[in-house]
C-alpha atoms as a PDB file:
ATOM      1  CA  MET A   1       0.000   0.000   0.000  1.00  0.00           C
ATOM      2  CA  LEU A   2       1.332   3.395  -0.989  1.00  0.00           C
ATOM      3  CA  GLU A   3       1.713   5.713   1.992  1.00  0.00           C
ATOM      4  CA  ILE A   4       1.784   9.493   2.066  1.00  0.00           C
ATOM      5  CA  VAL A   5       4.918  10.632   3.906  1.00  0.00           C
ATOM      6  CA  GLU A   6       4.686  14.425   3.524  1.00  0.00           C
ATOM      7  CA  ILE A   7       1.973  16.976   2.834  1.00  0.00           C
ATOM      8  CA  ILE A   8       3.579  19.765   0.803  1.00  0.00           C
ATOM      9  CA  ARG A   9       0.811  22.257   0.030  1.00  0.00           C
ATOM     10  CA  PRO A  10      -2.699  22.612  -1.352  1.00  0.00           C
ATOM     11  CA  ALA A  11      -2.911  22.519  -5.141  1.00  0.00           C
ATOM     12  CA  ASP A  12      -3.130  25.841  -6.959  1.00  0.00           C
ATOM     13  CA  GLN A  13      -6.649  25.020  -8.084  1.00  0.00           C
ATOM     14  CA  GLY A  14      -9.313  22.376  -7.683  1.00  0.00           C
ATOM     15  CA  ARG A  15     -12.795  22.456  -6.219  1.00  0.00           C
ATOM     16  CA  THR A  16     -12.137  19.268  -4.259  1.00  0.00           C
ATOM     17  CA  THR A  17      -9.021  20.751  -2.600  1.00  0.00           C
ATOM     18  CA  PRO A  18      -6.313  18.323  -3.721  1.00  0.00           C
ATOM     19  CA  PHE A  19      -2.965  18.499  -1.930  1.00  0.00           C
ATOM     20  CA  LEU A  20       0.482  17.956  -3.390  1.00  0.00           C
ATOM     21  CA  CYS A  21       2.155  15.257  -1.304  1.00  0.00           C
ATOM     22  CA  ASN A  22       5.234  13.070  -1.293  1.00  0.00           C
ATOM     23  CA  ALA A  23       4.684   9.326  -1.055  1.00  0.00           C
ATOM     24  CA  SER A  24       6.621   6.287   0.113  1.00  0.00           C
ATOM     25  CA  ASP A  25       7.681   5.412  -3.448  1.00  0.00           C
ATOM     26  CA  GLY A  26       9.651   8.663  -3.733  1.00  0.00           C
ATOM     27  CA  LYS A  27       7.157  10.282  -6.095  1.00  0.00           C
ATOM     28  CA  ALA A  28       4.888  13.299  -5.692  1.00  0.00           C
ATOM     29  CA  TYR A  29       1.122  12.954  -6.009  1.00  0.00           C
ATOM     30  CA  TYR A  30      -1.928  15.160  -6.024  1.00  0.00           C
ATOM     31  CA  VAL A  31      -4.088  13.701  -3.293  1.00  0.00           C
ATOM     32  CA  LYS A  32      -7.844  13.967  -2.782  1.00  0.00           C
ATOM     33  CA  GLY A  33      -9.589  13.054   0.430  1.00  0.00           C
ATOM     34  CA  TYR A  34     -12.555  14.138   2.515  1.00  0.00           C
ATOM     35  CA  ALA A  35     -13.486  17.246   0.494  1.00  0.00           C
ATOM     36  CA  ALA A  36     -13.978  15.112  -2.613  1.00  0.00           C
ATOM     37  CA  SER A  37     -16.804  13.182  -0.841  1.00  0.00           C
ATOM     38  CA  ILE A  38     -17.021   9.409  -0.708  1.00  0.00           C
ATOM     39  CA  ALA A  39     -18.934   9.300  -3.989  1.00  0.00           C
ATOM     40  CA  GLY A  40     -16.318  11.547  -5.573  1.00  0.00           C
ATOM     41  CA  LEU A  41     -13.463   9.307  -4.433  1.00  0.00           C
ATOM     42  CA  ILE A  42     -15.181   6.203  -5.793  1.00  0.00           C
ATOM     43  CA  LYS A  43     -15.822   7.994  -9.086  1.00  0.00           C
ATOM     44  CA  GLU A  44     -12.188   9.125  -9.294  1.00  0.00           C
ATOM     45  CA  TRP A  45     -10.989   5.549  -8.849  1.00  0.00           C
ATOM     46  CA  LEU A  46     -13.465   3.973 -11.260  1.00  0.00           C
ATOM     47  CA  GLY A  47     -13.122   6.784 -13.793  1.00  0.00           C
ATOM     48  CA  ALA A  48      -9.343   6.574 -13.885  1.00  0.00           C
ATOM     49  CA  HIS A  49      -9.500   2.805 -14.469  1.00  0.00           C
ATOM     50  CA  LEU A  50     -12.125   3.153 -17.194  1.00  0.00           C
ATOM     51  CA  ALA A  51     -10.178   5.964 -18.876  1.00  0.00           C
ATOM     52  CA  LYS A  52      -6.954   3.964 -18.852  1.00  0.00           C
ATOM     53  CA  ALA A  53      -8.696   0.932 -20.357  1.00  0.00           C
ATOM     54  CA  PHE A  54     -10.302   3.253 -22.931  1.00  0.00           C
ATOM     55  CA  GLU A  55      -6.716   4.126 -23.918  1.00  0.00           C
ATOM     56  CA  LEU A  56      -6.859   7.712 -22.744  1.00  0.00           C
ATOM     57  CA  PRO A  57      -3.669   9.254 -21.310  1.00  0.00           C
ATOM     58  CA  VAL A  58      -4.144   9.458 -17.544  1.00  0.00           C
ATOM     59  CA  PRO A  59      -1.409  10.116 -14.965  1.00  0.00           C
ATOM     60  CA  PRO A  60      -0.476   7.017 -12.949  1.00  0.00           C
ATOM     61  CA  PHE A  61      -2.814   6.700  -9.973  1.00  0.00           C
ATOM     62  CA  GLN A  62      -3.155   4.707  -6.765  1.00  0.00           C
ATOM     63  CA  ILE A  63      -5.078   4.553  -3.541  1.00  0.00           C
ATOM     64  CA  ALA A  64      -2.805   5.663  -0.717  1.00  0.00           C
ATOM     65  CA  PHE A  65      -2.966   5.824   3.058  1.00  0.00           C
ATOM     66  CA  LEU A  66      -2.590   9.110   4.914  1.00  0.00           C
ATOM     67  CA  ASP A  67      -1.759   8.956   8.617  1.00  0.00           C
ATOM     68  CA  ASP A  68      -3.643  11.296  10.928  1.00  0.00           C
ATOM     69  CA  ARG A  69      -0.374  12.503  12.465  1.00  0.00           C
ATOM     70  CA  LEU A  70       0.646  14.045   9.142  1.00  0.00           C
ATOM     71  CA  VAL A  71      -2.716  15.750   8.811  1.00  0.00           C
ATOM     72  CA  ASP A  72      -2.634  17.077  12.372  1.00  0.00           C
ATOM     73  CA  GLY A  73       0.935  18.280  11.908  1.00  0.00           C
ATOM     74  CA  PHE A  74       0.099  20.202   8.742  1.00  0.00           C
ATOM     75  CA  GLY A  75      -3.152  21.608  10.130  1.00  0.00           C
ATOM     76  CA  GLY A  76      -5.260  24.140   8.270  1.00  0.00           C
ATOM     77  CA  LYS A  77      -7.156  22.893   5.242  1.00  0.00           C
ATOM     78  CA  ALA A  78      -5.502  19.487   5.482  1.00  0.00           C
ATOM     79  CA  ALA A  79      -7.302  18.875   8.758  1.00  0.00           C
ATOM     80  CA  SER A  80     -10.700  19.955   7.465  1.00  0.00           C
ATOM     81  CA  GLU A  81     -10.661  19.052   3.752  1.00  0.00           C
ATOM     82  CA  LEU A  82      -8.132  16.231   3.339  1.00  0.00           C
ATOM     83  CA  LYS A  83      -8.303  14.319   6.631  1.00  0.00           C
ATOM     84  CA  SER A  84      -6.637  10.981   7.248  1.00  0.00           C
ATOM     85  CA  GLY A  85      -7.346   7.497   5.938  1.00  0.00           C
ATOM     86  CA  TYR A  86      -7.480   6.175   2.397  1.00  0.00           C
ATOM     87  CA  VAL A  87      -7.078   8.811  -0.311  1.00  0.00           C
ATOM     88  CA  PHE A  88      -6.963   8.972  -4.097  1.00  0.00           C
ATOM     89  CA  ALA A  89      -3.467   9.799  -5.372  1.00  0.00           C
ATOM     90  CA  SER A  90      -2.691  10.956  -8.924  1.00  0.00           C
ATOM     91  CA  GLU A  91       0.995  11.180  -9.805  1.00  0.00           C
ATOM     92  CA  GLN A  92       2.338  14.685 -10.426  1.00  0.00           C
ATOM     93  CA  ILE A  93       3.301  15.269 -14.066  1.00  0.00           C
ATOM     94  CA  LEU A  94       6.029  17.878 -14.335  1.00  0.00           C
ATOM     95  CA  SER A  95       6.025  20.795 -16.774  1.00  0.00           C
ATOM     96  CA  VAL A  96       2.297  20.741 -17.509  1.00  0.00           C
ATOM     97  CA  THR A  97      -0.291  23.503 -17.648  1.00  0.00           C
ATOM     98  CA  GLU A  98      -4.056  23.489 -17.900  1.00  0.00           C
ATOM     99  CA  LEU A  99      -5.097  23.108 -21.530  1.00  0.00           C
ATOM    100  CA  LYS A 100      -5.830  26.449 -23.178  1.00  0.00           C
ATOM    101  CA  TYR A 101      -8.451  26.987 -25.859  1.00  0.00           C
ATOM    102  CA  GLU A 102      -5.929  27.986 -28.516  1.00  0.00           C
ATOM    103  CA  THR A 103      -3.849  24.869 -27.828  1.00  0.00           C
ATOM    104  CA  ALA A 104      -6.698  22.417 -28.453  1.00  0.00           C
ATOM    105  CA  LYS A 105      -6.137  22.506 -32.209  1.00  0.00           C
ATOM    106  CA  GLN A 106      -2.718  20.875 -31.681  1.00  0.00           C
ATOM    107  CA  ILE A 107      -4.267  17.711 -30.267  1.00  0.00           C
ATOM    108  CA  ASP A 108      -4.676  14.674 -32.481  1.00  0.00           C
ATOM    109  CA  THR A 109      -8.192  14.474 -33.919  1.00  0.00           C
ATOM    110  CA  GLN A 110      -8.757  10.870 -32.883  1.00  0.00           C
ATOM    111  CA  LEU A 111      -7.629  11.574 -29.321  1.00  0.00           C
ATOM    112  CA  LYS A 112     -10.061  14.482 -29.067  1.00  0.00           C
ATOM    113  CA  LEU A 113     -12.802  12.216 -30.348  1.00  0.00           C
ATOM    114  CA  ARG A 114     -11.934   9.526 -27.783  1.00  0.00           C
ATOM    115  CA  VAL A 115     -12.121  12.039 -24.935  1.00  0.00           C
ATOM    116  CA  LEU A 116     -15.448  13.342 -26.228  1.00  0.00           C
ATOM    117  CA  ILE A 117     -17.072   9.915 -26.587  1.00  0.00           C
ATOM    118  CA  PHE A 118     -15.650   8.767 -23.242  1.00  0.00           C
ATOM    119  CA  ASP A 119     -17.175  11.763 -21.464  1.00  0.00           C
ATOM    120  CA  LEU A 120     -20.482  11.221 -23.246  1.00  0.00           C
ATOM    121  CA  TRP A 121     -20.454   7.585 -22.135  1.00  0.00           C
ATOM    122  CA  LEU A 122     -19.620   8.438 -18.510  1.00  0.00           C
ATOM    123  CA  GLU A 123     -22.008  11.417 -18.577  1.00  0.00           C
ATOM    124  CA  ASN A 124     -19.376  13.935 -17.544  1.00  0.00           C
ATOM    125  CA  GLU A 125     -20.266  17.595 -18.076  1.00  0.00           C
ATOM    126  CA  ASP A 126     -17.149  18.745 -16.232  1.00  0.00           C
ATOM    127  CA  ARG A 127     -14.802  19.214 -19.196  1.00  0.00           C
ATOM    128  CA  THR A 128     -15.666  22.641 -20.547  1.00  0.00           C
ATOM    129  CA  LEU A 129     -13.626  25.162 -22.525  1.00  0.00           C
ATOM    130  CA  SER A 130     -14.274  27.931 -25.038  1.00  0.00           C
ATOM    131  CA  GLU A 131     -12.646  31.173 -26.095  1.00  0.00           C
ATOM    132  CA  LYS A 132     -14.269  32.660 -22.970  1.00  0.00           C
ATOM    133  CA  GLY A 133     -12.595  30.145 -20.645  1.00  0.00           C
ATOM    134  CA  GLY A 134     -13.804  27.077 -18.807  1.00  0.00           C
ATOM    135  CA  ASN A 135     -12.689  24.082 -16.773  1.00  0.00           C
ATOM    136  CA  PRO A 136     -11.275  21.443 -19.155  1.00  0.00           C
ATOM    137  CA  ASN A 137      -9.723  19.110 -16.562  1.00  0.00           C
ATOM    138  CA  LEU A 138      -7.035  18.413 -19.136  1.00  0.00           C
ATOM    139  CA  LEU A 139      -3.302  19.011 -18.753  1.00  0.00           C
ATOM    140  CA  TRP A 140      -0.956  19.878 -21.606  1.00  0.00           C
ATOM    141  CA  LYS A 141       2.748  19.025 -21.572  1.00  0.00           C
ATOM    142  CA  THR A 142       4.185  21.478 -24.073  1.00  0.00           C
ATOM    143  CA  ASP A 143       7.641  19.966 -24.474  1.00  0.00           C
ATOM    144  CA  ALA A 144       6.132  16.616 -25.468  1.00  0.00           C
ATOM    145  CA  SER A 145       2.864  17.802 -27.039  1.00  0.00           C
ATOM    146  CA  GLY A 146       1.165  15.468 -24.598  1.00  0.00           C
ATOM    147  CA  LEU A 147      -2.354  15.539 -23.185  1.00  0.00           C
ATOM    148  CA  TYR A 148      -3.352  14.175 -19.772  1.00  0.00           C
ATOM    149  CA  VAL A 149      -6.942  13.497 -18.714  1.00  0.00           C
ATOM    150  CA  ILE A 150      -7.623  14.219 -15.032  1.00  0.00           C
ATOM    151  CA  ASP A 151     -10.449  14.668 -12.516  1.00  0.00           C
ATOM    152  CA  HIS A 152     -13.247  12.121 -12.798  1.00  0.00           C
ATOM    153  CA  ASN A 153     -15.136  13.017  -9.629  1.00  0.00           C
ATOM    154  CA  MET A 154     -18.060  14.473 -11.592  1.00  0.00           C
ATOM    155  CA  ILE A 155     -18.749  11.466 -13.828  1.00  0.00           C
ATOM    156  CA  PHE A 156     -22.001   9.474 -13.589  1.00  0.00           C
ATOM    157  CA  ASP A 157     -23.909  12.722 -13.170  1.00  0.00           C
ATOM    158  CA  ASP A 158     -27.492  11.927 -12.142  1.00  0.00           C
ATOM    159  CA  ALA A 159     -28.509  15.326 -13.519  1.00  0.00           C
ATOM    160  CA  PHE A 160     -26.671  14.844 -16.829  1.00  0.00           C
ATOM    161  CA  ASN A 161     -28.004  17.218 -19.481  1.00  0.00           C
ATOM    162  CA  LYS A 162     -27.254  16.131 -23.038  1.00  0.00           C
ATOM    163  CA  THR A 163     -27.893  19.583 -24.490  1.00  0.00           C
ATOM    164  CA  ASN A 164     -25.558  21.238 -21.999  1.00  0.00           C
ATOM    165  CA  PHE A 165     -22.903  18.610 -22.709  1.00  0.00           C
ATOM    166  CA  TRP A 166     -22.912  19.352 -26.435  1.00  0.00           C
ATOM    167  CA  ASP A 167     -22.990  23.098 -25.808  1.00  0.00           C
ATOM    168  CA  THR A 168     -20.003  23.215 -23.464  1.00  0.00           C
ATOM    169  CA  HIS A 169     -17.614  20.276 -23.974  1.00  0.00           C
ATOM    170  CA  VAL A 170     -14.059  21.289 -24.824  1.00  0.00           C
ATOM    171  CA  PHE A 171     -14.099  19.092 -27.948  1.00  0.00           C
ATOM    172  CA  LYS A 172     -17.704  19.678 -29.023  1.00  0.00           C
ATOM    173  CA  SER A 173     -16.469  20.971 -32.400  1.00  0.00           C
ATOM    174  CA  MET A 174     -15.865  17.364 -33.426  1.00  0.00           C
ATOM    175  CA  PHE A 175     -19.612  17.224 -34.075  1.00  0.00           C
ATOM    176  CA  ASP A 176     -20.412  20.818 -34.945  1.00  0.00           C
ATOM    177  CA  GLN A 177     -21.180  19.736 -38.497  1.00  0.00           C
ATOM    178  CA  LYS A 178     -22.384  16.280 -37.447  1.00  0.00           C
ATOM    179  CA  GLN A 179     -19.197  14.704 -38.755  1.00  0.00           C
ATOM    180  CA  TYR A 180     -20.224  11.140 -38.018  1.00  0.00           C
ATOM    181  CA  ASP A 181     -17.858   9.900 -40.716  1.00  0.00           C
ATOM    182  CA  LEU A 182     -14.916  10.648 -38.409  1.00  0.00           C
ATOM    183  CA  PHE A 183     -15.333   7.391 -36.550  1.00  0.00           C
ATOM    184  CA  GLU A 184     -16.605   3.873 -36.751  1.00  0.00           C
ATOM    185  CA  LYS A 185     -19.302   3.153 -34.197  1.00  0.00           C
ATOM    186  CA  GLY A 186     -18.228  -0.468 -33.951  1.00  0.00           C
ATOM    187  CA  ASP A 187     -14.699   0.542 -33.011  1.00  0.00           C
ATOM    188  CA  PHE A 188     -15.979   2.681 -30.160  1.00  0.00           C
ATOM    189  CA  GLU A 189     -18.357   0.000 -28.941  1.00  0.00           C
ATOM    190  CA  THR A 190     -15.411  -2.397 -28.788  1.00  0.00           C
ATOM    191  CA  ARG A 191     -13.399   0.213 -26.897  1.00  0.00           C
ATOM    192  CA  MET A 192     -16.234   0.739 -24.400  1.00  0.00           C
ATOM    193  CA  GLN A 193     -16.634  -2.993 -23.847  1.00  0.00           C
ATOM    194  CA  LYS A 194     -12.889  -3.346 -23.249  1.00  0.00           C
ATOM    195  CA  SER A 195     -12.995  -0.444 -20.807  1.00  0.00           C
ATOM    196  CA  LEU A 196     -15.990  -1.902 -18.998  1.00  0.00           C
ATOM    197  CA  ALA A 197     -14.067  -5.133 -18.431  1.00  0.00           C
ATOM    198  CA  SER A 198     -11.846  -3.198 -15.998  1.00  0.00           C
ATOM    199  CA  TRP A 199     -14.779  -2.248 -13.740  1.00  0.00           C
ATOM    200  CA  GLN A 200     -14.849  -5.322 -11.511  1.00  0.00           C
ATOM    201  CA  THR A 201     -11.135  -5.284 -10.720  1.00  0.00           C
ATOM    202  CA  ALA A 202     -11.335  -1.586  -9.929  1.00  0.00           C
ATOM    203  CA  TRP A 203     -14.378  -2.104  -7.703  1.00  0.00           C
ATOM    204  CA  ASP A 204     -12.775  -5.040  -5.882  1.00  0.00           C
ATOM    205  CA  ASN A 205      -9.799  -2.837  -4.972  1.00  0.00           C
ATOM    206  CA  ILE A 206     -11.803  -0.008  -3.417  1.00  0.00           C
ATOM    207  CA  PRO A 207     -11.015   0.250   0.317  1.00  0.00           C
ATOM    208  CA  SER A 208     -13.651  -1.427   2.459  1.00  0.00           C
ATOM    209  CA  GLU A 209     -13.971   1.818   4.424  1.00  0.00           C
ATOM    210  CA  TRP A 210     -15.181   3.607   1.287  1.00  0.00           C
ATOM    211  CA  ILE A 211     -17.640   0.814   0.498  1.00  0.00           C
ATOM    212  CA  GLU A 212     -19.047   0.756   4.024  1.00  0.00           C
ATOM    213  CA  LEU A 213     -19.533   4.523   4.080  1.00  0.00           C
ATOM    214  CA  ASN A 214     -21.140   4.452   0.650  1.00  0.00           C
ATOM    215  CA  ASN A 215     -23.497   1.692   1.776  1.00  0.00           C
ATOM    216  CA  GLU A 216     -24.434   3.796   4.785  1.00  0.00           C
ATOM    217  CA  LEU A 217     -24.950   7.046   2.862  1.00  0.00           C
ATOM    218  CA  ARG A 218     -26.285   5.458  -0.352  1.00  0.00           C
ATOM    219  CA  CYS A 219     -24.607   8.161  -2.415  1.00  0.00           C
ATOM    220  CA  PHE A 220     -23.366   6.024  -5.327  1.00  0.00           C
ATOM    221  CA  ASP A 221     -25.309   3.197  -6.969  1.00  0.00           C
ATOM    222  CA  PRO A 222     -22.803   0.998  -8.836  1.00  0.00           C
ATOM    223  CA  GLU A 223     -25.388  -1.388 -10.287  1.00  0.00           C
ATOM    224  CA  LYS A 224     -27.367   1.428 -11.897  1.00  0.00           C
ATOM    225  CA  HIS A 225     -24.333   2.982 -13.556  1.00  0.00           C
ATOM    226  CA  LEU A 226     -22.854  -0.351 -14.581  1.00  0.00           C
ATOM    227  CA  GLN A 227     -26.093  -1.337 -16.312  1.00  0.00           C
ATOM    228  CA  ARG A 228     -26.256   1.933 -18.235  1.00  0.00           C
ATOM    229  CA  LEU A 229     -22.606   1.688 -19.284  1.00  0.00           C
ATOM    230  CA  SER A 230     -23.204  -1.847 -20.508  1.00  0.00           C
ATOM    231  CA  ASN A 231     -26.295  -0.864 -22.493  1.00  0.00           C
ATOM    232  CA  GLU A 232     -24.504   2.041 -24.110  1.00  0.00           C
ATOM    233  CA  ALA A 233     -21.432  -0.053 -24.885  1.00  0.00           C
ATOM    234  CA  ASN A 234     -23.767  -2.206 -26.958  1.00  0.00           C
ATOM    235  CA  GLY A 235     -25.075   0.665 -29.039  1.00  0.00           C
ATOM    236  CA  ASP A 236     -27.448   2.721 -26.897  1.00  0.00           C
ATOM    237  CA  ILE A 237     -24.932   5.555 -26.638  1.00  0.00           C
ATOM    238  CA  TRP A 238     -25.554   6.698 -30.214  1.00  0.00           C
ATOM    239  CA  SER A 239     -28.978   8.021 -29.267  1.00  0.00           C
ATOM    240  CA  LYS A 240     -27.087  10.720 -27.330  1.00  0.00           C
ATOM    241  CA  LEU A 241     -25.329  12.157 -30.389  1.00  0.00           C
ATOM    242  CA  PRO A 242     -26.376  15.706 -31.320  1.00  0.00           C
END
């Protein structure tokens, strides 16, 4: 089990108050805990696994343990918004910045399409960007022209609005002219089915403390979301195209 050995500082941005920390493997991670909510932590873990299996570029991630003595020693927001126990840890990628609107055109067309379809499948409205700004939850590594997909705590949105999704998604332009010829539906269904095969392993590795708290609060219904993902991986998703 990865252990957090030092809390460095709160991240520069992030609604769920991630903290930059050093871990027992000698690497630095952005860590999310209490402020992300138990449903948010479960979604982060499942979403990262699904994204990786979907062949999207995600930073390496693990569940880590944070001792209460570290939290108490750091104090401040760490005590109220991180807290101790099991946390979600996403490895720090050096020399990255948040994706800017004018940079999006440099990204490979097929990669943009994969991100778009993945977010549609997971019903994630939290990847917005336009010339007026937004919150893309995408990192850009300029020296390598590399994209990283982060932050999955808002997936499986029970209030998902298809119209809002197509109005605000960072890569919505892929379908501005209904360019359905850009992809093969069968290829994406295969990709979704492959991604879905990672669900059970991911679920089985969620800390029992998270599961018990979720069972108590009933804030995340895995069976409901798994059934929808399965249906859409077998073709139902295409009814959500613009």
